[in-house]
Structure formats: structure tokens, C-alpha cells
N, C-alpha and C. Protein backbone atom coordinates (compact mmCIF):
# COMPACT_ATOMS: atom_id res chain seq x y z
N MET A 1 150.93 49.48 161.96
CA MET A 1 151.81 50.33 162.58
C MET A 1 151.30 51.75 162.80
N PRO A 2 150.62 52.32 161.81
CA PRO A 2 149.99 53.65 162.01
C PRO A 2 149.01 53.69 163.16
N THR A 3 148.36 52.61 163.45
CA THR A 3 147.36 52.54 164.57
C THR A 3 148.08 52.63 165.81
N ARG A 4 149.19 51.90 165.96
CA ARG A 4 150.02 51.98 167.23
C ARG A 4 150.54 53.39 167.43
N ARG A 5 150.98 54.02 166.35
CA ARG A 5 151.57 55.39 166.50
C ARG A 5 150.45 56.34 166.92
N ARG A 6 149.27 56.22 166.33
CA ARG A 6 148.14 57.09 166.79
C ARG A 6 147.74 56.80 168.20
N ALA A 7 147.72 55.51 168.65
CA ALA A 7 147.43 55.20 170.01
C ALA A 7 148.40 55.72 170.93
N PHE A 8 149.69 55.61 170.59
CA PHE A 8 150.74 56.14 171.43
C PHE A 8 150.63 57.68 171.54
N THR A 9 150.37 58.35 170.43
CA THR A 9 150.24 59.76 170.45
C THR A 9 149.07 60.24 171.30
N LEU A 10 147.94 59.47 171.12
CA LEU A 10 146.75 59.79 171.97
C LEU A 10 147.09 59.59 173.49
N PHE A 11 147.77 58.43 173.80
CA PHE A 11 148.14 58.18 175.17
C PHE A 11 149.03 59.26 175.71
N ALA A 12 150.05 59.72 174.93
CA ALA A 12 150.89 60.80 175.34
C ALA A 12 150.19 62.09 175.55
N ALA A 13 149.24 62.42 174.74
CA ALA A 13 148.40 63.63 174.84
C ALA A 13 147.55 63.55 176.09
N LEU A 14 146.93 62.39 176.39
CA LEU A 14 146.17 62.21 177.56
C LEU A 14 146.99 62.30 178.80
N ALA A 15 148.18 61.74 178.78
CA ALA A 15 149.09 61.78 179.93
C ALA A 15 149.51 63.24 180.23
N ALA A 16 149.78 63.98 179.12
CA ALA A 16 150.19 65.44 179.29
C ALA A 16 148.99 66.25 179.83
N ALA A 17 147.80 65.98 179.37
CA ALA A 17 146.61 66.65 179.78
C ALA A 17 146.37 66.35 181.28
N ALA A 18 146.54 65.12 181.68
CA ALA A 18 146.30 64.74 183.06
C ALA A 18 147.35 65.32 183.99
N ALA A 19 148.56 65.46 183.48
CA ALA A 19 149.62 66.08 184.32
C ALA A 19 149.32 67.54 184.43
N ALA A 20 148.87 68.18 183.35
CA ALA A 20 148.55 69.67 183.46
C ALA A 20 147.34 69.85 184.31
N ALA A 21 146.37 69.03 184.26
CA ALA A 21 145.16 69.14 185.15
C ALA A 21 145.58 68.96 186.60
N GLY A 22 146.47 68.02 186.88
CA GLY A 22 146.91 67.84 188.23
C GLY A 22 147.67 69.07 188.75
N ALA A 23 148.55 69.66 187.92
CA ALA A 23 149.20 70.86 188.31
C ALA A 23 148.31 72.03 188.63
N VAL A 24 147.23 72.16 187.76
CA VAL A 24 146.28 73.25 188.02
C VAL A 24 145.50 72.90 189.23
N ALA A 25 145.09 71.69 189.44
CA ALA A 25 144.22 71.39 190.59
C ALA A 25 145.02 71.65 191.89
N GLN A 26 146.31 71.50 191.87
CA GLN A 26 147.06 71.73 193.11
C GLN A 26 147.24 73.12 193.49
N GLN A 27 147.05 74.08 192.53
CA GLN A 27 147.19 75.49 192.82
C GLN A 27 146.00 75.94 193.59
N PRO A 28 146.20 76.65 194.76
CA PRO A 28 144.97 77.04 195.49
C PRO A 28 144.18 78.09 194.71
N ASP A 29 142.93 78.19 195.06
CA ASP A 29 141.97 79.22 194.39
C ASP A 29 142.22 80.49 195.18
N ASN A 30 142.99 81.41 194.65
CA ASN A 30 143.27 82.69 195.28
C ASN A 30 142.32 83.80 194.86
N SER A 31 141.35 83.48 194.03
CA SER A 31 140.50 84.53 193.47
C SER A 31 139.69 85.18 194.50
N SER A 32 139.41 84.57 195.68
CA SER A 32 138.66 85.21 196.73
C SER A 32 139.42 86.28 197.47
N TYR A 33 140.70 86.35 197.26
CA TYR A 33 141.49 87.34 197.89
C TYR A 33 141.58 88.62 196.99
N ILE A 34 141.27 89.80 197.51
CA ILE A 34 141.36 91.03 196.73
C ILE A 34 142.54 91.80 197.35
N LEU A 35 143.51 92.10 196.52
CA LEU A 35 144.73 92.79 196.96
C LEU A 35 144.78 94.23 196.55
N PHE A 36 145.12 95.09 197.48
CA PHE A 36 145.25 96.46 197.27
C PHE A 36 146.72 96.79 197.42
N VAL A 37 147.42 97.21 196.33
CA VAL A 37 148.85 97.36 196.26
C VAL A 37 149.12 98.84 196.45
N HIS A 38 149.87 99.21 197.54
CA HIS A 38 150.40 100.60 197.72
C HIS A 38 151.79 100.63 197.12
N ALA A 39 151.96 101.30 196.02
CA ALA A 39 153.14 101.23 195.20
C ALA A 39 154.00 102.54 195.32
N GLY A 40 153.77 103.30 196.37
CA GLY A 40 154.58 104.46 196.55
C GLY A 40 155.98 104.04 196.96
N ALA A 41 156.95 104.20 196.06
CA ALA A 41 158.31 103.71 196.32
C ALA A 41 159.15 104.89 196.87
N PRO A 42 160.09 104.58 197.74
CA PRO A 42 160.98 105.60 198.22
C PRO A 42 161.82 106.11 197.00
N PRO A 43 162.37 107.36 197.14
CA PRO A 43 163.05 107.90 195.91
C PRO A 43 164.31 107.17 195.56
N ASP A 44 164.89 106.34 196.46
CA ASP A 44 166.11 105.63 196.09
C ASP A 44 165.92 104.39 195.29
N VAL A 45 164.61 104.09 194.96
CA VAL A 45 164.27 102.86 194.22
C VAL A 45 164.04 103.39 192.77
N HIS A 46 165.10 103.27 191.97
CA HIS A 46 164.99 103.85 190.58
C HIS A 46 164.31 102.84 189.61
N ASP A 47 164.24 101.64 189.93
CA ASP A 47 163.51 100.65 189.03
C ASP A 47 162.17 100.29 189.60
N ALA A 48 161.52 101.14 190.34
CA ALA A 48 160.22 100.91 191.00
C ALA A 48 159.20 100.42 190.08
N GLU A 49 159.08 101.01 188.92
CA GLU A 49 158.04 100.67 187.92
C GLU A 49 158.23 99.24 187.44
N ALA A 50 159.46 98.84 187.12
CA ALA A 50 159.74 97.52 186.62
C ALA A 50 159.43 96.50 187.75
N ARG A 51 159.84 96.79 188.97
CA ARG A 51 159.51 95.90 190.04
C ARG A 51 158.00 95.76 190.28
N LEU A 52 157.30 96.87 190.22
CA LEU A 52 155.89 96.84 190.40
C LEU A 52 155.22 95.91 189.31
N LEU A 53 155.68 96.07 188.09
CA LEU A 53 155.11 95.15 187.01
C LEU A 53 155.40 93.72 187.33
N GLU A 54 156.54 93.39 187.81
CA GLU A 54 156.95 92.01 188.15
C GLU A 54 156.03 91.53 189.28
N VAL A 55 155.77 92.37 190.34
CA VAL A 55 154.87 91.98 191.38
C VAL A 55 153.52 91.68 190.91
N LEU A 56 152.95 92.66 190.09
CA LEU A 56 151.63 92.48 189.55
C LEU A 56 151.48 91.26 188.72
N LYS A 57 152.45 91.00 187.83
CA LYS A 57 152.41 89.75 186.99
C LYS A 57 152.34 88.56 187.92
N GLY A 58 153.19 88.50 188.94
CA GLY A 58 153.20 87.36 189.81
C GLY A 58 151.95 87.14 190.54
N LEU A 59 151.32 88.17 191.00
CA LEU A 59 150.05 88.12 191.77
C LEU A 59 148.96 87.61 190.84
N VAL A 60 148.87 88.18 189.69
CA VAL A 60 147.77 87.86 188.73
C VAL A 60 147.98 86.36 188.28
N LYS A 61 149.23 86.02 188.02
CA LYS A 61 149.52 84.63 187.60
C LYS A 61 149.07 83.65 188.71
N ALA A 62 149.27 84.05 189.99
CA ALA A 62 148.82 83.19 191.06
C ALA A 62 147.36 83.21 191.38
N GLY A 63 146.60 83.98 190.54
CA GLY A 63 145.13 83.94 190.66
C GLY A 63 144.53 84.99 191.59
N TYR A 64 145.30 85.92 192.13
CA TYR A 64 144.76 86.90 193.03
C TYR A 64 143.99 87.97 192.23
N SER A 65 142.99 88.54 192.87
CA SER A 65 142.24 89.63 192.30
C SER A 65 143.04 90.94 192.72
N VAL A 66 143.63 91.64 191.83
CA VAL A 66 144.45 92.76 192.17
C VAL A 66 143.81 94.08 191.71
N ARG A 67 143.62 94.96 192.66
CA ARG A 67 143.08 96.34 192.25
C ARG A 67 144.23 97.14 191.77
N LYS A 68 143.84 98.22 191.06
CA LYS A 68 144.81 99.13 190.56
C LYS A 68 145.69 99.75 191.65
N PRO A 69 147.04 99.63 191.52
CA PRO A 69 147.91 100.13 192.52
C PRO A 69 147.78 101.64 192.72
N ASP A 70 147.99 102.11 193.93
CA ASP A 70 148.04 103.56 194.18
C ASP A 70 149.43 103.94 194.49
N ASP A 71 149.65 105.26 194.68
CA ASP A 71 151.04 105.75 194.99
C ASP A 71 151.23 105.93 196.50
N ASP A 72 150.38 105.38 197.30
CA ASP A 72 150.57 105.58 198.74
C ASP A 72 151.67 104.70 199.26
N ARG A 73 152.26 105.11 200.45
CA ARG A 73 153.25 104.33 201.15
C ARG A 73 152.77 104.09 202.52
N ASP A 74 153.03 102.99 203.05
CA ASP A 74 152.73 102.67 204.44
C ASP A 74 153.89 103.16 205.38
N VAL A 75 153.86 104.45 205.68
CA VAL A 75 154.89 105.03 206.47
C VAL A 75 154.81 104.62 207.97
N VAL A 76 153.66 104.25 208.44
CA VAL A 76 153.55 103.91 209.84
C VAL A 76 154.04 102.43 210.05
N GLY A 77 153.52 101.45 209.31
CA GLY A 77 153.89 100.08 209.49
C GLY A 77 155.05 99.65 208.64
N GLY A 78 155.31 100.42 207.64
CA GLY A 78 156.44 99.97 206.72
C GLY A 78 155.96 99.02 205.74
N PRO A 79 156.88 98.54 204.88
CA PRO A 79 156.52 97.62 203.85
C PRO A 79 156.12 96.24 204.45
N GLY A 80 155.19 95.62 203.81
CA GLY A 80 154.65 94.29 204.30
C GLY A 80 153.37 93.95 203.74
N VAL A 81 152.86 92.78 204.19
CA VAL A 81 151.48 92.34 203.75
C VAL A 81 150.61 92.34 204.90
N ASP A 82 149.58 93.11 204.82
CA ASP A 82 148.64 93.19 205.99
C ASP A 82 147.55 92.18 205.69
N TYR A 83 147.12 91.48 206.74
CA TYR A 83 145.95 90.57 206.67
C TYR A 83 145.23 90.67 207.97
N PHE A 84 143.98 90.29 207.96
CA PHE A 84 143.04 90.56 209.06
C PHE A 84 142.55 89.34 209.82
N ASN A 85 142.86 88.17 209.29
CA ASN A 85 142.26 86.95 209.89
C ASN A 85 143.42 85.94 209.97
N ASP A 86 143.57 85.25 211.04
CA ASP A 86 144.64 84.27 211.16
C ASP A 86 144.59 83.23 210.11
N ASN A 87 143.35 82.91 209.63
CA ASN A 87 143.12 81.90 208.61
C ASN A 87 143.81 82.33 207.23
N ASP A 88 144.12 83.60 207.12
CA ASP A 88 144.68 84.12 205.92
C ASP A 88 146.23 84.18 205.91
N LEU A 89 146.88 83.65 207.02
CA LEU A 89 148.28 83.81 207.09
C LEU A 89 149.01 83.14 205.95
N ALA A 90 148.61 81.96 205.51
CA ALA A 90 149.26 81.24 204.39
C ALA A 90 149.17 82.07 203.09
N ALA A 91 148.05 82.67 202.85
CA ALA A 91 147.85 83.47 201.63
C ALA A 91 148.77 84.77 201.71
N ALA A 92 148.80 85.36 202.94
CA ALA A 92 149.62 86.58 203.12
C ALA A 92 151.10 86.22 202.94
N GLN A 93 151.50 85.03 203.34
CA GLN A 93 152.90 84.64 203.13
C GLN A 93 153.16 84.35 201.72
N ALA A 94 152.18 83.78 201.00
CA ALA A 94 152.37 83.50 199.59
C ALA A 94 152.51 84.85 198.78
N VAL A 95 151.74 85.89 199.14
CA VAL A 95 151.78 87.16 198.51
C VAL A 95 153.21 87.75 198.79
N ALA A 96 153.62 87.68 200.09
CA ALA A 96 154.93 88.23 200.44
C ALA A 96 156.01 87.49 199.63
N ASP A 97 155.91 86.21 199.47
CA ASP A 97 156.90 85.49 198.68
C ASP A 97 156.96 86.01 197.24
N ILE A 98 155.82 86.23 196.61
CA ILE A 98 155.79 86.79 195.28
C ILE A 98 156.45 88.16 195.23
N VAL A 99 156.15 89.01 196.18
CA VAL A 99 156.75 90.34 196.23
C VAL A 99 158.27 90.24 196.45
N ASN A 100 158.68 89.30 197.30
CA ASN A 100 160.09 89.16 197.57
C ASN A 100 160.93 88.70 196.37
N VAL A 101 160.29 87.96 195.51
CA VAL A 101 160.99 87.48 194.26
C VAL A 101 161.30 88.78 193.41
N ALA A 102 160.34 89.68 193.32
CA ALA A 102 160.62 90.86 192.54
C ALA A 102 161.43 91.90 193.30
N MET A 103 161.50 91.79 194.62
CA MET A 103 162.28 92.80 195.37
C MET A 103 163.14 92.09 196.38
N PRO A 104 164.13 91.28 195.99
CA PRO A 104 164.89 90.49 196.93
C PRO A 104 165.76 91.35 197.88
N ASP A 105 166.06 92.63 197.53
CA ASP A 105 166.83 93.42 198.40
C ASP A 105 166.05 94.27 199.43
N ARG A 106 164.73 94.09 199.49
CA ARG A 106 163.91 94.76 200.35
C ARG A 106 163.48 93.88 201.55
N GLN A 107 163.21 94.48 202.69
CA GLN A 107 162.86 93.68 203.86
C GLN A 107 161.50 93.19 203.80
N GLN A 108 161.28 91.96 204.22
CA GLN A 108 159.99 91.30 204.18
C GLN A 108 159.27 91.36 205.53
N LYS A 109 157.98 91.60 205.50
CA LYS A 109 157.20 91.57 206.67
C LYS A 109 155.82 91.03 206.33
N SER A 110 155.27 90.23 207.16
CA SER A 110 153.83 89.94 207.15
C SER A 110 153.29 90.24 208.49
N ARG A 111 152.20 90.84 208.57
CA ARG A 111 151.66 91.14 209.86
C ARG A 111 150.10 91.07 209.91
N ARG A 112 149.64 90.68 211.11
CA ARG A 112 148.22 90.60 211.32
C ARG A 112 147.74 92.02 211.83
N ASP A 113 146.74 92.53 211.25
CA ASP A 113 146.27 93.84 211.61
C ASP A 113 144.76 93.75 211.85
N GLY A 114 144.39 93.87 213.05
CA GLY A 114 142.93 93.69 213.41
C GLY A 114 142.16 95.00 213.35
N SER A 115 142.71 96.00 212.63
CA SER A 115 142.09 97.29 212.59
C SER A 115 140.91 97.40 211.72
N ALA A 116 140.65 96.42 210.81
CA ALA A 116 139.57 96.52 209.89
C ALA A 116 138.50 95.53 210.22
């Protein structure tokens, strides 16, 4: 009986490891994307620091390389995710989705910007 219990435990552990490996393998490798976060919040956002921390946690958890946020605001284009190549649209949308979870009351934009 102890042998069966050990075999079952080993099988359960292997199944759990395989499931975890499958979940990790399905997550895209986002480490090639370097993100520059402009964190200058308008004065009416009183919980800006808490929101920023939630955004940063989400981006890092998703595997993005995130540079130290600055206090700049994009006053010309407004809030959004800038990307420069049409092939990066899916990643830009994924970043926008992470930001929108932390800021559900803010307007979402993704835009292609060929200026760089």
C-alpha cells in the first residue's frame, strides 16, 4: 500500500509540474519589450501612486522590461500606449489591458506612432 501511495503522490506531482510548465509555456516572452512609463498624473487623481504600483506589478509579472517611471505627461497625444511597428500591436494591446485593470475609470488608447 505505501508503494501505491508514493506512486500516486509522484504522479500527482508530475501532473502538477506538467500543468505549470504548460501554463508558463503559453505566456509570451515579453522580455524583448522595453517599456517607458510616463507617470505624470493629473492633479485630480489622488491615488496615482497606488495605481502606478499596480501597473508596474502587472507589467513586471507579464515579463516586460520596465524602466523607472518618470513624471512626464503626454499632453499632446494623451494617455495611451505608443508603439512603432504594426507587429507590436498585440503587445501594445496587452500593455493597455494591464494598465486598464489598474485604471478602469481612465480612457484607453493604443496608437501607432511612426515618429521614432
